[in-house]
Amino acid sequence: MSVILDILASVGMWEAVLRIATPLILGTLGVLLCERVGVLNLGIEGIMTFGAMIGWLTVYSGADLWTGLAAAALAGAAFGMLHAALTVPLGLSQHVTGLGITLFASSFSYYIFRLAVPTASSPPTVEPFRPLPVPGLSEIPFLGPVLFNQTAPTYLALALVALLAWGLYRTPLGLAVRMTGENPHAVEAQGIDPIRLRIGTIMAGSALMGVAGAFLTLAAFNSFFPTMVQGRGWICIALVVFALWRPGRALLGALLFAFFDAFQLRLQTAVEGVPYQLFLMLPYLLSILALIVMARRARVPQALMQPYRRGER
């Protein structure tokens, strides 16, 4: 028990929670946007991998870190446009299309990486984002280092939660996005094109997925390897259900999973004689239990995964 209390009282533990949560926050917001407009995007795992590679490669080629994030966002938006083109006007299966994009983007990432560094025995590194202390606030005991001594992309992720919550629930565009996921025919009756709105929103959500992947190579780590996303994309899809399709709850869900992950990493070093695989599965097991509890209250957008065709009712 004393070991657990020591871990929970550690500032480093809670700093790690916010750092681990950052790509989950960005990815979950991306999935939430796509599903709010009525489209399931199972391409997130591949989009995050491609965003991680493109972000790293851009910086490795001599650009600055923010240009790397922008390149990852553009790459994610490009895959989002591909997903939208196949699922929105053509009405193809969103499951099959998303999984196809994941397989293609993941493989394409490794192909481009090997073209860029064909002879490297270990992944080349770049100079990543460094913690950016907020003057004054970072000196607050305990909370200061946890909340105000993070990297710039973490601050950006937290700001995007507030921005997306305001945009979805306080603006006409947000209302149109939410209604397109519920009843696109009603949106069309108001003079708004649901097809264009779906395509644009999917591209925006996929751009966030690309930035989520780039965070891994430009802030959490400093190099790229093909398996670095490690299922975070699938966790983001589950977190959207946990969050009941609300940005604020998405933040809480990402923090909850990150807490479990950071906690198990410290337990591995503090507790001896227990197979490390048990610690690795702990955050996923606890997240599944939390998802089961929250899913009973979930209200799925009514038009989710339903192709929209003009003139049909």
C-alpha atoms as a PDB file:
ATOM      1  CA  MET A   1       0.000   0.000   0.000  1.00  0.00           C
ATOM      2  CA  SER A   2       2.844   2.398   0.808  1.00  0.00           C
ATOM      3  CA  VAL A   3       4.252   1.795  -2.683  1.00  0.00           C
ATOM      4  CA  ILE A   4       0.955   2.792  -4.282  1.00  0.00           C
ATOM      5  CA  LEU A   5       0.701   5.914  -2.143  1.00  0.00           C
ATOM      6  CA  ASP A   6       4.256   6.910  -3.017  1.00  0.00           C
ATOM      7  CA  ILE A   7       3.459   6.552  -6.704  1.00  0.00           C
ATOM      8  CA  LEU A   8       0.257   8.594  -6.411  1.00  0.00           C
ATOM      9  CA  ALA A   9       2.083  11.328  -4.505  1.00  0.00           C
ATOM     10  CA  SER A  10       4.803  11.626  -7.139  1.00  0.00           C
ATOM     11  CA  VAL A  11       4.797  14.779  -9.277  1.00  0.00           C
ATOM     12  CA  GLY A  12       6.510  12.859 -12.056  1.00  0.00           C
ATOM     13  CA  MET A  13       3.633  10.407 -12.163  1.00  0.00           C
ATOM     14  CA  TRP A  14       1.054  13.110 -12.839  1.00  0.00           C
ATOM     15  CA  GLU A  15       3.316  14.912 -15.304  1.00  0.00           C
ATOM     16  CA  ALA A  16       3.502  11.650 -17.240  1.00  0.00           C
ATOM     17  CA  VAL A  17      -0.303  11.280 -17.165  1.00  0.00           C
ATOM     18  CA  LEU A  18      -0.822  14.524 -19.083  1.00  0.00           C
ATOM     19  CA  ARG A  19       2.021  13.710 -21.471  1.00  0.00           C
ATOM     20  CA  ILE A  20       0.688  10.214 -22.221  1.00  0.00           C
ATOM     21  CA  ALA A  21      -2.847  11.606 -22.592  1.00  0.00           C
ATOM     22  CA  THR A  22      -1.926  14.202 -25.229  1.00  0.00           C
ATOM     23  CA  PRO A  23      -1.996  11.971 -28.354  1.00  0.00           C
ATOM     24  CA  LEU A  24      -5.133  10.291 -26.995  1.00  0.00           C
ATOM     25  CA  ILE A  25      -6.823  13.679 -26.575  1.00  0.00           C
ATOM     26  CA  LEU A  26      -5.985  14.737 -30.118  1.00  0.00           C
ATOM     27  CA  GLY A  27      -6.936  11.385 -31.638  1.00  0.00           C
ATOM     28  CA  THR A  28     -10.180  11.152 -29.683  1.00  0.00           C
ATOM     29  CA  LEU A  29     -11.204  14.652 -30.757  1.00  0.00           C
ATOM     30  CA  GLY A  30     -10.538  13.623 -34.359  1.00  0.00           C
ATOM     31  CA  VAL A  31     -12.692  10.501 -34.086  1.00  0.00           C
ATOM     32  CA  LEU A  32     -15.378  12.481 -32.264  1.00  0.00           C
ATOM     33  CA  LEU A  33     -15.587  15.006 -35.098  1.00  0.00           C
ATOM     34  CA  CYS A  34     -15.940  12.273 -37.716  1.00  0.00           C
ATOM     35  CA  GLU A  35     -18.609  10.397 -35.781  1.00  0.00           C
ATOM     36  CA  ARG A  36     -20.501  13.556 -34.883  1.00  0.00           C
ATOM     37  CA  VAL A  37     -20.991  14.137 -38.587  1.00  0.00           C
ATOM     38  CA  GLY A  38     -22.096  10.535 -39.106  1.00  0.00           C
ATOM     39  CA  VAL A  39     -18.962   8.717 -40.345  1.00  0.00           C
ATOM     40  CA  LEU A  40     -16.946   6.042 -38.536  1.00  0.00           C
ATOM     41  CA  ASN A  41     -13.225   6.453 -39.256  1.00  0.00           C
ATOM     42  CA  LEU A  42     -11.367   3.217 -38.537  1.00  0.00           C
ATOM     43  CA  GLY A  43      -8.385   4.578 -40.442  1.00  0.00           C
ATOM     44  CA  ILE A  44      -7.112   6.377 -37.338  1.00  0.00           C
ATOM     45  CA  GLU A  45      -4.430   3.823 -36.489  1.00  0.00           C
ATOM     46  CA  GLY A  46      -2.839   4.158 -39.928  1.00  0.00           C
ATOM     47  CA  ILE A  47      -3.358   7.936 -40.057  1.00  0.00           C
ATOM     48  CA  MET A  48      -1.600   8.346 -36.712  1.00  0.00           C
ATOM     49  CA  THR A  49       1.284   6.169 -37.932  1.00  0.00           C
ATOM     50  CA  PHE A  50       1.600   8.166 -41.151  1.00  0.00           C
ATOM     51  CA  GLY A  51       1.363  11.451 -39.234  1.00  0.00           C
ATOM     52  CA  ALA A  52       4.138  10.280 -36.904  1.00  0.00           C
ATOM     53  CA  MET A  53       6.359   9.415 -39.857  1.00  0.00           C
ATOM     54  CA  ILE A  54       5.651  12.568 -41.891  1.00  0.00           C
ATOM     55  CA  GLY A  55       6.107  14.832 -38.862  1.00  0.00           C
ATOM     56  CA  TRP A  56       9.434  13.197 -38.043  1.00  0.00           C
ATOM     57  CA  LEU A  57      10.621  13.153 -41.669  1.00  0.00           C
ATOM     58  CA  THR A  58       9.764  16.834 -42.143  1.00  0.00           C
ATOM     59  CA  VAL A  59      11.830  17.851 -39.115  1.00  0.00           C
ATOM     60  CA  TYR A  60      14.595  15.377 -39.994  1.00  0.00           C
ATOM     61  CA  SER A  61      14.804  17.049 -43.423  1.00  0.00           C
ATOM     62  CA  GLY A  62      15.541  20.418 -41.809  1.00  0.00           C
ATOM     63  CA  ALA A  63      12.163  22.021 -41.055  1.00  0.00           C
ATOM     64  CA  ASP A  64      11.145  23.278 -37.627  1.00  0.00           C
ATOM     65  CA  LEU A  65       8.898  21.376 -35.229  1.00  0.00           C
ATOM     66  CA  TRP A  66       5.731  23.353 -35.929  1.00  0.00           C
ATOM     67  CA  THR A  67       6.174  22.763 -39.649  1.00  0.00           C
ATOM     68  CA  GLY A  68       6.425  19.062 -38.820  1.00  0.00           C
ATOM     69  CA  LEU A  69       3.091  19.217 -36.982  1.00  0.00           C
ATOM     70  CA  ALA A  70       1.540  21.122 -39.901  1.00  0.00           C
ATOM     71  CA  ALA A  71       2.818  18.525 -42.379  1.00  0.00           C
ATOM     72  CA  ALA A  72       1.330  15.741 -40.247  1.00  0.00           C
ATOM     73  CA  ALA A  73      -2.003  17.577 -40.161  1.00  0.00           C
ATOM     74  CA  LEU A  74      -1.999  17.943 -43.955  1.00  0.00           C
ATOM     75  CA  ALA A  75      -1.120  14.263 -44.369  1.00  0.00           C
ATOM     76  CA  GLY A  76      -3.956  13.291 -42.032  1.00  0.00           C
ATOM     77  CA  ALA A  77      -6.365  15.554 -43.909  1.00  0.00           C
ATOM     78  CA  ALA A  78      -5.332  13.907 -47.201  1.00  0.00           C
ATOM     79  CA  PHE A  79      -6.183  10.450 -45.867  1.00  0.00           C
ATOM     80  CA  GLY A  80      -9.385  11.904 -44.440  1.00  0.00           C
ATOM     81  CA  MET A  81     -10.307  13.187 -47.888  1.00  0.00           C
ATOM     82  CA  LEU A  82      -9.685   9.702 -49.308  1.00  0.00           C
ATOM     83  CA  HIS A  83     -11.868   8.130 -46.631  1.00  0.00           C
ATOM     84  CA  ALA A  84     -14.584  10.738 -47.161  1.00  0.00           C
ATOM     85  CA  ALA A  85     -14.512  10.387 -50.956  1.00  0.00           C
ATOM     86  CA  LEU A  86     -15.106   6.650 -50.697  1.00  0.00           C
ATOM     87  CA  THR A  87     -17.702   6.654 -47.917  1.00  0.00           C
ATOM     88  CA  VAL A  88     -19.715   9.860 -48.371  1.00  0.00           C
ATOM     89  CA  PRO A  89     -20.574  10.379 -52.071  1.00  0.00           C
ATOM     90  CA  LEU A  90     -19.958   6.735 -53.042  1.00  0.00           C
ATOM     91  CA  GLY A  91     -21.513   5.251 -49.900  1.00  0.00           C
ATOM     92  CA  LEU A  92     -18.962   2.428 -49.544  1.00  0.00           C
ATOM     93  CA  SER A  93     -18.636   0.487 -46.287  1.00  0.00           C
ATOM     94  CA  GLN A  94     -17.116   2.699 -43.624  1.00  0.00           C
ATOM     95  CA  HIS A  95     -15.680  -0.334 -41.812  1.00  0.00           C
ATOM     96  CA  VAL A  96     -13.912  -1.766 -44.861  1.00  0.00           C
ATOM     97  CA  THR A  97     -12.693   1.629 -46.081  1.00  0.00           C
ATOM     98  CA  GLY A  98     -11.314   2.595 -42.676  1.00  0.00           C
ATOM     99  CA  LEU A  99      -9.490  -0.689 -42.165  1.00  0.00           C
ATOM    100  CA  GLY A 100      -8.116  -0.454 -45.713  1.00  0.00           C
ATOM    101  CA  ILE A 101      -6.755   3.027 -44.992  1.00  0.00           C
ATOM    102  CA  THR A 102      -5.147   1.780 -41.776  1.00  0.00           C
ATOM    103  CA  LEU A 103      -3.377  -1.040 -43.621  1.00  0.00           C
ATOM    104  CA  PHE A 104      -2.348   1.201 -46.516  1.00  0.00           C
ATOM    105  CA  ALA A 105      -1.178   4.161 -44.405  1.00  0.00           C
ATOM    106  CA  SER A 106       0.798   1.945 -42.003  1.00  0.00           C
ATOM    107  CA  SER A 107       2.561   0.107 -44.826  1.00  0.00           C
ATOM    108  CA  PHE A 108       3.140   3.306 -46.805  1.00  0.00           C
ATOM    109  CA  SER A 109       4.699   4.902 -43.714  1.00  0.00           C
ATOM    110  CA  TYR A 110       7.267   2.130 -43.410  1.00  0.00           C
ATOM    111  CA  TYR A 111       7.964   2.256 -47.157  1.00  0.00           C
ATOM    112  CA  ILE A 112       8.678   6.003 -47.125  1.00  0.00           C
ATOM    113  CA  PHE A 113      10.734   5.660 -43.945  1.00  0.00           C
ATOM    114  CA  ARG A 114      12.937   3.022 -45.590  1.00  0.00           C
ATOM    115  CA  LEU A 115      13.327   5.194 -48.691  1.00  0.00           C
ATOM    116  CA  ALA A 116      14.480   8.088 -46.495  1.00  0.00           C
ATOM    117  CA  VAL A 117      16.885   6.077 -44.325  1.00  0.00           C
ATOM    118  CA  PRO A 118      17.636   2.846 -46.200  1.00  0.00           C
ATOM    119  CA  THR A 119      20.853   1.940 -44.382  1.00  0.00           C
ATOM    120  CA  ALA A 120      20.209   3.120 -40.799  1.00  0.00           C
ATOM    121  CA  SER A 121      20.561   0.338 -38.231  1.00  0.00           C
ATOM    122  CA  SER A 122      18.709   2.405 -35.622  1.00  0.00           C
ATOM    123  CA  PRO A 123      16.091   5.143 -36.158  1.00  0.00           C
ATOM    124  CA  PRO A 124      17.684   8.596 -36.628  1.00  0.00           C
ATOM    125  CA  THR A 125      16.647  11.172 -34.058  1.00  0.00           C
ATOM    126  CA  VAL A 126      15.484  14.785 -34.139  1.00  0.00           C
ATOM    127  CA  GLU A 127      15.405  17.493 -31.493  1.00  0.00           C
ATOM    128  CA  PRO A 128      11.891  17.226 -29.976  1.00  0.00           C
ATOM    129  CA  PHE A 129       9.646  19.772 -28.290  1.00  0.00           C
ATOM    130  CA  ARG A 130      10.928  20.681 -24.845  1.00  0.00           C
ATOM    131  CA  PRO A 131       8.761  21.454 -21.797  1.00  0.00           C
ATOM    132  CA  LEU A 132       7.600  25.057 -21.886  1.00  0.00           C
ATOM    133  CA  PRO A 133       7.123  26.371 -18.326  1.00  0.00           C
ATOM    134  CA  VAL A 134       4.425  29.005 -17.912  1.00  0.00           C
ATOM    135  CA  PRO A 135       6.016  31.885 -15.974  1.00  0.00           C
ATOM    136  CA  GLY A 136       4.666  32.083 -12.442  1.00  0.00           C
ATOM    137  CA  LEU A 137       2.155  29.261 -12.778  1.00  0.00           C
ATOM    138  CA  SER A 138       4.813  26.570 -13.143  1.00  0.00           C
ATOM    139  CA  GLU A 139       6.101  27.476  -9.660  1.00  0.00           C
ATOM    140  CA  ILE A 140       2.847  26.481  -7.947  1.00  0.00           C
ATOM    141  CA  PRO A 141       3.557  23.485  -5.687  1.00  0.00           C
ATOM    142  CA  PHE A 142       2.557  20.156  -7.237  1.00  0.00           C
ATOM    143  CA  LEU A 143       0.017  21.568  -9.736  1.00  0.00           C
ATOM    144  CA  GLY A 144       2.566  23.878 -11.331  1.00  0.00           C
ATOM    145  CA  PRO A 145       4.939  21.202 -12.692  1.00  0.00           C
ATOM    146  CA  VAL A 146       2.009  18.955 -13.631  1.00  0.00           C
ATOM    147  CA  LEU A 147      -0.134  21.434 -15.570  1.00  0.00           C
ATOM    148  CA  PHE A 148       2.198  24.259 -16.537  1.00  0.00           C
ATOM    149  CA  ASN A 149       5.483  22.573 -17.411  1.00  0.00           C
ATOM    150  CA  GLN A 150       4.384  20.620 -20.479  1.00  0.00           C
ATOM    151  CA  THR A 151       5.314  20.813 -24.146  1.00  0.00           C
ATOM    152  CA  ALA A 152       3.550  23.210 -26.501  1.00  0.00           C
ATOM    153  CA  PRO A 153       1.505  20.458 -28.268  1.00  0.00           C
ATOM    154  CA  THR A 154       0.032  19.458 -24.902  1.00  0.00           C
ATOM    155  CA  TYR A 155      -1.166  23.004 -24.308  1.00  0.00           C
ATOM    156  CA  LEU A 156      -2.542  22.970 -27.851  1.00  0.00           C
ATOM    157  CA  ALA A 157      -4.458  19.735 -27.196  1.00  0.00           C
ATOM    158  CA  LEU A 158      -6.057  21.161 -24.051  1.00  0.00           C
ATOM    159  CA  ALA A 159      -7.002  24.349 -25.890  1.00  0.00           C
ATOM    160  CA  LEU A 160      -8.559  22.317 -28.697  1.00  0.00           C
ATOM    161  CA  VAL A 161     -10.833  20.536 -26.208  1.00  0.00           C
ATOM    162  CA  ALA A 162     -12.278  23.873 -25.115  1.00  0.00           C
ATOM    163  CA  LEU A 163     -12.405  25.194 -28.678  1.00  0.00           C
ATOM    164  CA  LEU A 164     -14.185  22.111 -30.008  1.00  0.00           C
ATOM    165  CA  ALA A 165     -16.676  22.079 -27.124  1.00  0.00           C
ATOM    166  CA  TRP A 166     -17.492  25.728 -27.796  1.00  0.00           C
ATOM    167  CA  GLY A 167     -17.656  25.197 -31.565  1.00  0.00           C
ATOM    168  CA  LEU A 168     -19.968  22.168 -31.406  1.00  0.00           C
ATOM    169  CA  TYR A 169     -22.424  23.592 -28.907  1.00  0.00           C
ATOM    170  CA  ARG A 170     -22.232  27.352 -29.322  1.00  0.00           C
ATOM    171  CA  THR A 171     -21.939  28.005 -33.061  1.00  0.00           C
ATOM    172  CA  PRO A 172     -24.221  27.482 -36.097  1.00  0.00           C
ATOM    173  CA  LEU A 173     -21.521  25.377 -37.764  1.00  0.00           C
ATOM    174  CA  GLY A 174     -21.362  23.103 -34.715  1.00  0.00           C
ATOM    175  CA  LEU A 175     -25.132  22.707 -34.777  1.00  0.00           C
ATOM    176  CA  ALA A 176     -24.974  21.778 -38.471  1.00  0.00           C
ATOM    177  CA  VAL A 177     -22.254  19.201 -37.773  1.00  0.00           C
ATOM    178  CA  ARG A 178     -24.249  17.615 -34.957  1.00  0.00           C
ATOM    179  CA  MET A 179     -27.467  17.579 -36.971  1.00  0.00           C
ATOM    180  CA  THR A 180     -25.705  16.002 -39.965  1.00  0.00           C
ATOM    181  CA  GLY A 181     -24.837  13.106 -37.703  1.00  0.00           C
ATOM    182  CA  GLU A 182     -28.452  12.860 -36.584  1.00  0.00           C
ATOM    183  CA  ASN A 183     -30.568  13.732 -39.628  1.00  0.00           C
ATOM    184  CA  PRO A 184     -28.722  14.920 -42.750  1.00  0.00           C
ATOM    185  CA  HIS A 185     -32.020  15.388 -44.619  1.00  0.00           C
ATOM    186  CA  ALA A 186     -33.057  18.029 -42.092  1.00  0.00           C
ATOM    187  CA  VAL A 187     -29.729  19.787 -42.652  1.00  0.00           C
ATOM    188  CA  GLU A 188     -30.278  19.740 -46.405  1.00  0.00           C
ATOM    189  CA  ALA A 189     -33.720  21.257 -45.894  1.00  0.00           C
ATOM    190  CA  GLN A 190     -31.977  24.264 -44.317  1.00  0.00           C
ATOM    191  CA  GLY A 191     -29.918  24.840 -47.442  1.00  0.00           C
ATOM    192  CA  ILE A 192     -26.706  23.191 -46.204  1.00  0.00           C
ATOM    193  CA  ASP A 193     -24.990  20.494 -48.260  1.00  0.00           C
ATOM    194  CA  PRO A 194     -24.514  17.472 -45.929  1.00  0.00           C
ATOM    195  CA  ILE A 195     -22.040  15.835 -48.313  1.00  0.00           C
ATOM    196  CA  ARG A 196     -19.673  18.806 -48.324  1.00  0.00           C
ATOM    197  CA  LEU A 197     -20.056  19.216 -44.576  1.00  0.00           C
ATOM    198  CA  ARG A 198     -19.252  15.555 -43.969  1.00  0.00           C
ATOM    199  CA  ILE A 199     -16.196  15.656 -46.220  1.00  0.00           C
ATOM    200  CA  GLY A 200     -14.830  18.820 -44.603  1.00  0.00           C
ATOM    201  CA  THR A 201     -15.425  17.579 -41.073  1.00  0.00           C
ATOM    202  CA  ILE A 202     -13.808  14.204 -41.773  1.00  0.00           C
ATOM    203  CA  MET A 203     -10.760  15.980 -43.161  1.00  0.00           C
ATOM    204  CA  ALA A 204     -10.544  18.178 -40.049  1.00  0.00           C
ATOM    205  CA  GLY A 205     -10.889  15.175 -37.741  1.00  0.00           C
ATOM    206  CA  SER A 206      -8.272  13.227 -39.686  1.00  0.00           C
ATOM    207  CA  ALA A 207      -5.905  16.206 -39.490  1.00  0.00           C
ATOM    208  CA  LEU A 208      -6.130  15.976 -35.692  1.00  0.00           C
ATOM    209  CA  MET A 209      -5.314  12.259 -35.944  1.00  0.00           C
ATOM    210  CA  GLY A 210      -2.196  13.108 -37.937  1.00  0.00           C
ATOM    211  CA  VAL A 211      -1.110  15.638 -35.303  1.00  0.00           C
ATOM    212  CA  ALA A 212      -1.726  13.013 -32.603  1.00  0.00           C
ATOM    213  CA  GLY A 213       0.715  10.703 -34.365  1.00  0.00           C
ATOM    214  CA  ALA A 214       3.261  13.476 -34.864  1.00  0.00           C
ATOM    215  CA  PHE A 215       3.233  14.178 -31.131  1.00  0.00           C
ATOM    216  CA  LEU A 216       4.765  10.758 -30.581  1.00  0.00           C
ATOM    217  CA  THR A 217       7.797  11.472 -32.756  1.00  0.00           C
ATOM    218  CA  LEU A 218       8.193  15.190 -32.054  1.00  0.00           C
ATOM    219  CA  ALA A 219       7.432  15.420 -28.321  1.00  0.00           C
ATOM    220  CA  ALA A 220       7.012  12.074 -26.569  1.00  0.00           C
ATOM    221  CA  PHE A 221       9.989  10.531 -28.410  1.00  0.00           C
ATOM    222  CA  ASN A 222      12.509  11.838 -30.930  1.00  0.00           C
ATOM    223  CA  SER A 223      12.468   9.197 -33.666  1.00  0.00           C
ATOM    224  CA  PHE A 224      10.100   7.061 -35.705  1.00  0.00           C
ATOM    225  CA  PHE A 225       9.530   3.331 -35.719  1.00  0.00           C
ATOM    226  CA  PRO A 226       6.600   1.635 -37.490  1.00  0.00           C
ATOM    227  CA  THR A 227       4.918   0.139 -34.414  1.00  0.00           C
ATOM    228  CA  MET A 228       5.076   3.189 -32.192  1.00  0.00           C
ATOM    229  CA  VAL A 229       1.328   3.966 -32.234  1.00  0.00           C
ATOM    230  CA  GLN A 230       0.704   0.608 -30.493  1.00  0.00           C
ATOM    231  CA  GLY A 231      -3.077   0.569 -30.668  1.00  0.00           C
ATOM    232  CA  ARG A 232      -3.650   4.127 -29.476  1.00  0.00           C
ATOM    233  CA  GLY A 233      -5.962   4.683 -32.439  1.00  0.00           C
ATOM    234  CA  TRP A 234      -8.285   1.882 -31.361  1.00  0.00           C
ATOM    235  CA  ILE A 235      -8.254   3.254 -27.811  1.00  0.00           C
ATOM    236  CA  CYS A 236      -9.370   6.645 -29.185  1.00  0.00           C
ATOM    237  CA  ILE A 237     -12.357   5.001 -30.886  1.00  0.00           C
ATOM    238  CA  ALA A 238     -13.358   3.396 -27.590  1.00  0.00           C
ATOM    239  CA  LEU A 239     -12.837   6.665 -25.705  1.00  0.00           C
ATOM    240  CA  VAL A 240     -15.380   8.424 -27.936  1.00  0.00           C
ATOM    241  CA  VAL A 241     -18.042   5.981 -26.734  1.00  0.00           C
ATOM    242  CA  PHE A 242     -16.820   6.420 -23.158  1.00  0.00           C
ATOM    243  CA  ALA A 243     -17.102  10.202 -23.633  1.00  0.00           C
ATOM    244  CA  LEU A 244     -20.670   9.970 -24.988  1.00  0.00           C
ATOM    245  CA  TRP A 245     -19.468  11.999 -27.998  1.00  0.00           C
ATOM    246  CA  ARG A 246     -18.657  15.070 -25.863  1.00  0.00           C
ATOM    247  CA  PRO A 247     -15.236  16.828 -25.966  1.00  0.00           C
ATOM    248  CA  GLY A 248     -15.047  17.442 -22.203  1.00  0.00           C
ATOM    249  CA  ARG A 249     -15.714  13.802 -21.414  1.00  0.00           C
ATOM    250  CA  ALA A 250     -13.189  12.840 -24.098  1.00  0.00           C
ATOM    251  CA  LEU A 251     -10.541  14.725 -22.125  1.00  0.00           C
ATOM    252  CA  LEU A 252     -11.495  12.877 -18.943  1.00  0.00           C
ATOM    253  CA  GLY A 253     -11.419   9.523 -20.740  1.00  0.00           C
ATOM    254  CA  ALA A 254      -7.969  10.192 -22.193  1.00  0.00           C
ATOM    255  CA  LEU A 255      -6.667  11.231 -18.779  1.00  0.00           C
ATOM    256  CA  LEU A 256      -8.157   8.120 -17.193  1.00  0.00           C
ATOM    257  CA  PHE A 257      -6.444   5.774 -19.640  1.00  0.00           C
ATOM    258  CA  ALA A 258      -3.184   7.729 -19.343  1.00  0.00           C
ATOM    259  CA  PHE A 259      -3.382   7.438 -15.555  1.00  0.00           C
ATOM    260  CA  PHE A 260      -3.718   3.656 -15.789  1.00  0.00           C
ATOM    261  CA  ASP A 261      -0.802   3.506 -18.219  1.00  0.00           C
ATOM    262  CA  ALA A 262       1.520   5.734 -16.188  1.00  0.00           C
ATOM    263  CA  PHE A 263       0.556   3.869 -13.010  1.00  0.00           C
ATOM    264  CA  GLN A 264       1.376   0.432 -14.438  1.00  0.00           C
ATOM    265  CA  LEU A 265       4.764   1.648 -15.707  1.00  0.00           C
ATOM    266  CA  ARG A 266       5.742   2.627 -12.179  1.00  0.00           C
ATOM    267  CA  LEU A 267       4.313  -0.517 -10.661  1.00  0.00           C
ATOM    268  CA  GLN A 268       6.586  -2.580 -12.903  1.00  0.00           C
ATOM    269  CA  THR A 269       9.653  -1.105 -11.246  1.00  0.00           C
ATOM    270  CA  ALA A 270       8.200  -1.019  -7.722  1.00  0.00           C
ATOM    271  CA  VAL A 271       6.744  -4.548  -7.523  1.00  0.00           C
ATOM    272  CA  GLU A 272       8.965  -7.558  -8.088  1.00  0.00           C
ATOM    273  CA  GLY A 273       8.014 -11.129  -8.938  1.00  0.00           C
ATOM    274  CA  VAL A 274       4.958 -10.258 -11.054  1.00  0.00           C
ATOM    275  CA  PRO A 275       5.108 -10.853 -14.841  1.00  0.00           C
ATOM    276  CA  TYR A 276       5.315  -7.510 -16.620  1.00  0.00           C
ATOM    277  CA  GLN A 277       2.589  -8.611 -19.062  1.00  0.00           C
ATOM    278  CA  LEU A 278       0.051  -8.322 -16.241  1.00  0.00           C
ATOM    279  CA  PHE A 279       1.002  -4.676 -15.754  1.00  0.00           C
ATOM    280  CA  LEU A 280       0.853  -4.012 -19.507  1.00  0.00           C
ATOM    281  CA  MET A 281      -2.717  -5.273 -19.768  1.00  0.00           C
ATOM    282  CA  LEU A 282      -3.856  -3.309 -16.680  1.00  0.00           C
ATOM    283  CA  PRO A 283      -4.752  -0.005 -18.414  1.00  0.00           C
ATOM    284  CA  TYR A 284      -6.647  -1.822 -21.180  1.00  0.00           C
ATOM    285  CA  LEU A 285      -8.549  -4.001 -18.712  1.00  0.00           C
ATOM    286  CA  LEU A 286      -9.553  -1.072 -16.523  1.00  0.00           C
ATOM    287  CA  SER A 287     -10.490   0.993 -19.580  1.00  0.00           C
ATOM    288  CA  ILE A 288     -12.741  -1.815 -20.830  1.00  0.00           C
ATOM    289  CA  LEU A 289     -14.487  -1.925 -17.465  1.00  0.00           C
ATOM    290  CA  ALA A 290     -14.996   1.838 -17.506  1.00  0.00           C
ATOM    291  CA  LEU A 291     -16.261   1.642 -21.086  1.00  0.00           C
ATOM    292  CA  ILE A 292     -18.805  -1.029 -20.136  1.00  0.00           C
ATOM    293  CA  VAL A 293     -20.168   1.196 -17.385  1.00  0.00           C
ATOM    294  CA  MET A 294     -20.389   4.310 -19.570  1.00  0.00           C
ATOM    295  CA  ALA A 295     -21.620   2.577 -22.731  1.00  0.00           C
ATOM    296  CA  ARG A 296     -24.965   1.828 -21.106  1.00  0.00           C
ATOM    297  CA  ARG A 297     -25.672   5.551 -21.154  1.00  0.00           C
ATOM    298  CA  ALA A 298     -24.324   6.137 -24.646  1.00  0.00           C
ATOM    299  CA  ARG A 299     -26.624   7.652 -27.245  1.00  0.00           C
ATOM    300  CA  VAL A 300     -25.137   6.986 -30.663  1.00  0.00           C
ATOM    301  CA  PRO A 301     -25.639   9.663 -33.366  1.00  0.00           C
ATOM    302  CA  GLN A 302     -28.657   8.427 -35.304  1.00  0.00           C
ATOM    303  CA  ALA A 303     -27.064   8.719 -38.754  1.00  0.00           C
ATOM    304  CA  LEU A 304     -23.718   7.189 -37.778  1.00  0.00           C
ATOM    305  CA  MET A 305     -22.534   4.737 -40.481  1.00  0.00           C
ATOM    306  CA  GLN A 306     -25.626   5.443 -42.591  1.00  0.00           C
ATOM    307  CA  PRO A 307     -24.793   6.622 -46.147  1.00  0.00           C
ATOM    308  CA  TYR A 308     -26.564   9.801 -47.186  1.00  0.00           C
ATOM    309  CA  ARG A 309     -28.110  10.005 -50.634  1.00  0.00           C
ATOM    310  CA  ARG A 310     -29.998  13.031 -51.846  1.00  0.00           C
ATOM    311  CA  GLY A 311     -33.700  12.503 -52.352  1.00  0.00           C
ATOM    312  CA  GLU A 312     -33.872   9.323 -50.252  1.00  0.00           C
ATOM    313  CA  ARG A 313     -35.743   9.141 -46.975  1.00  0.00           C
END
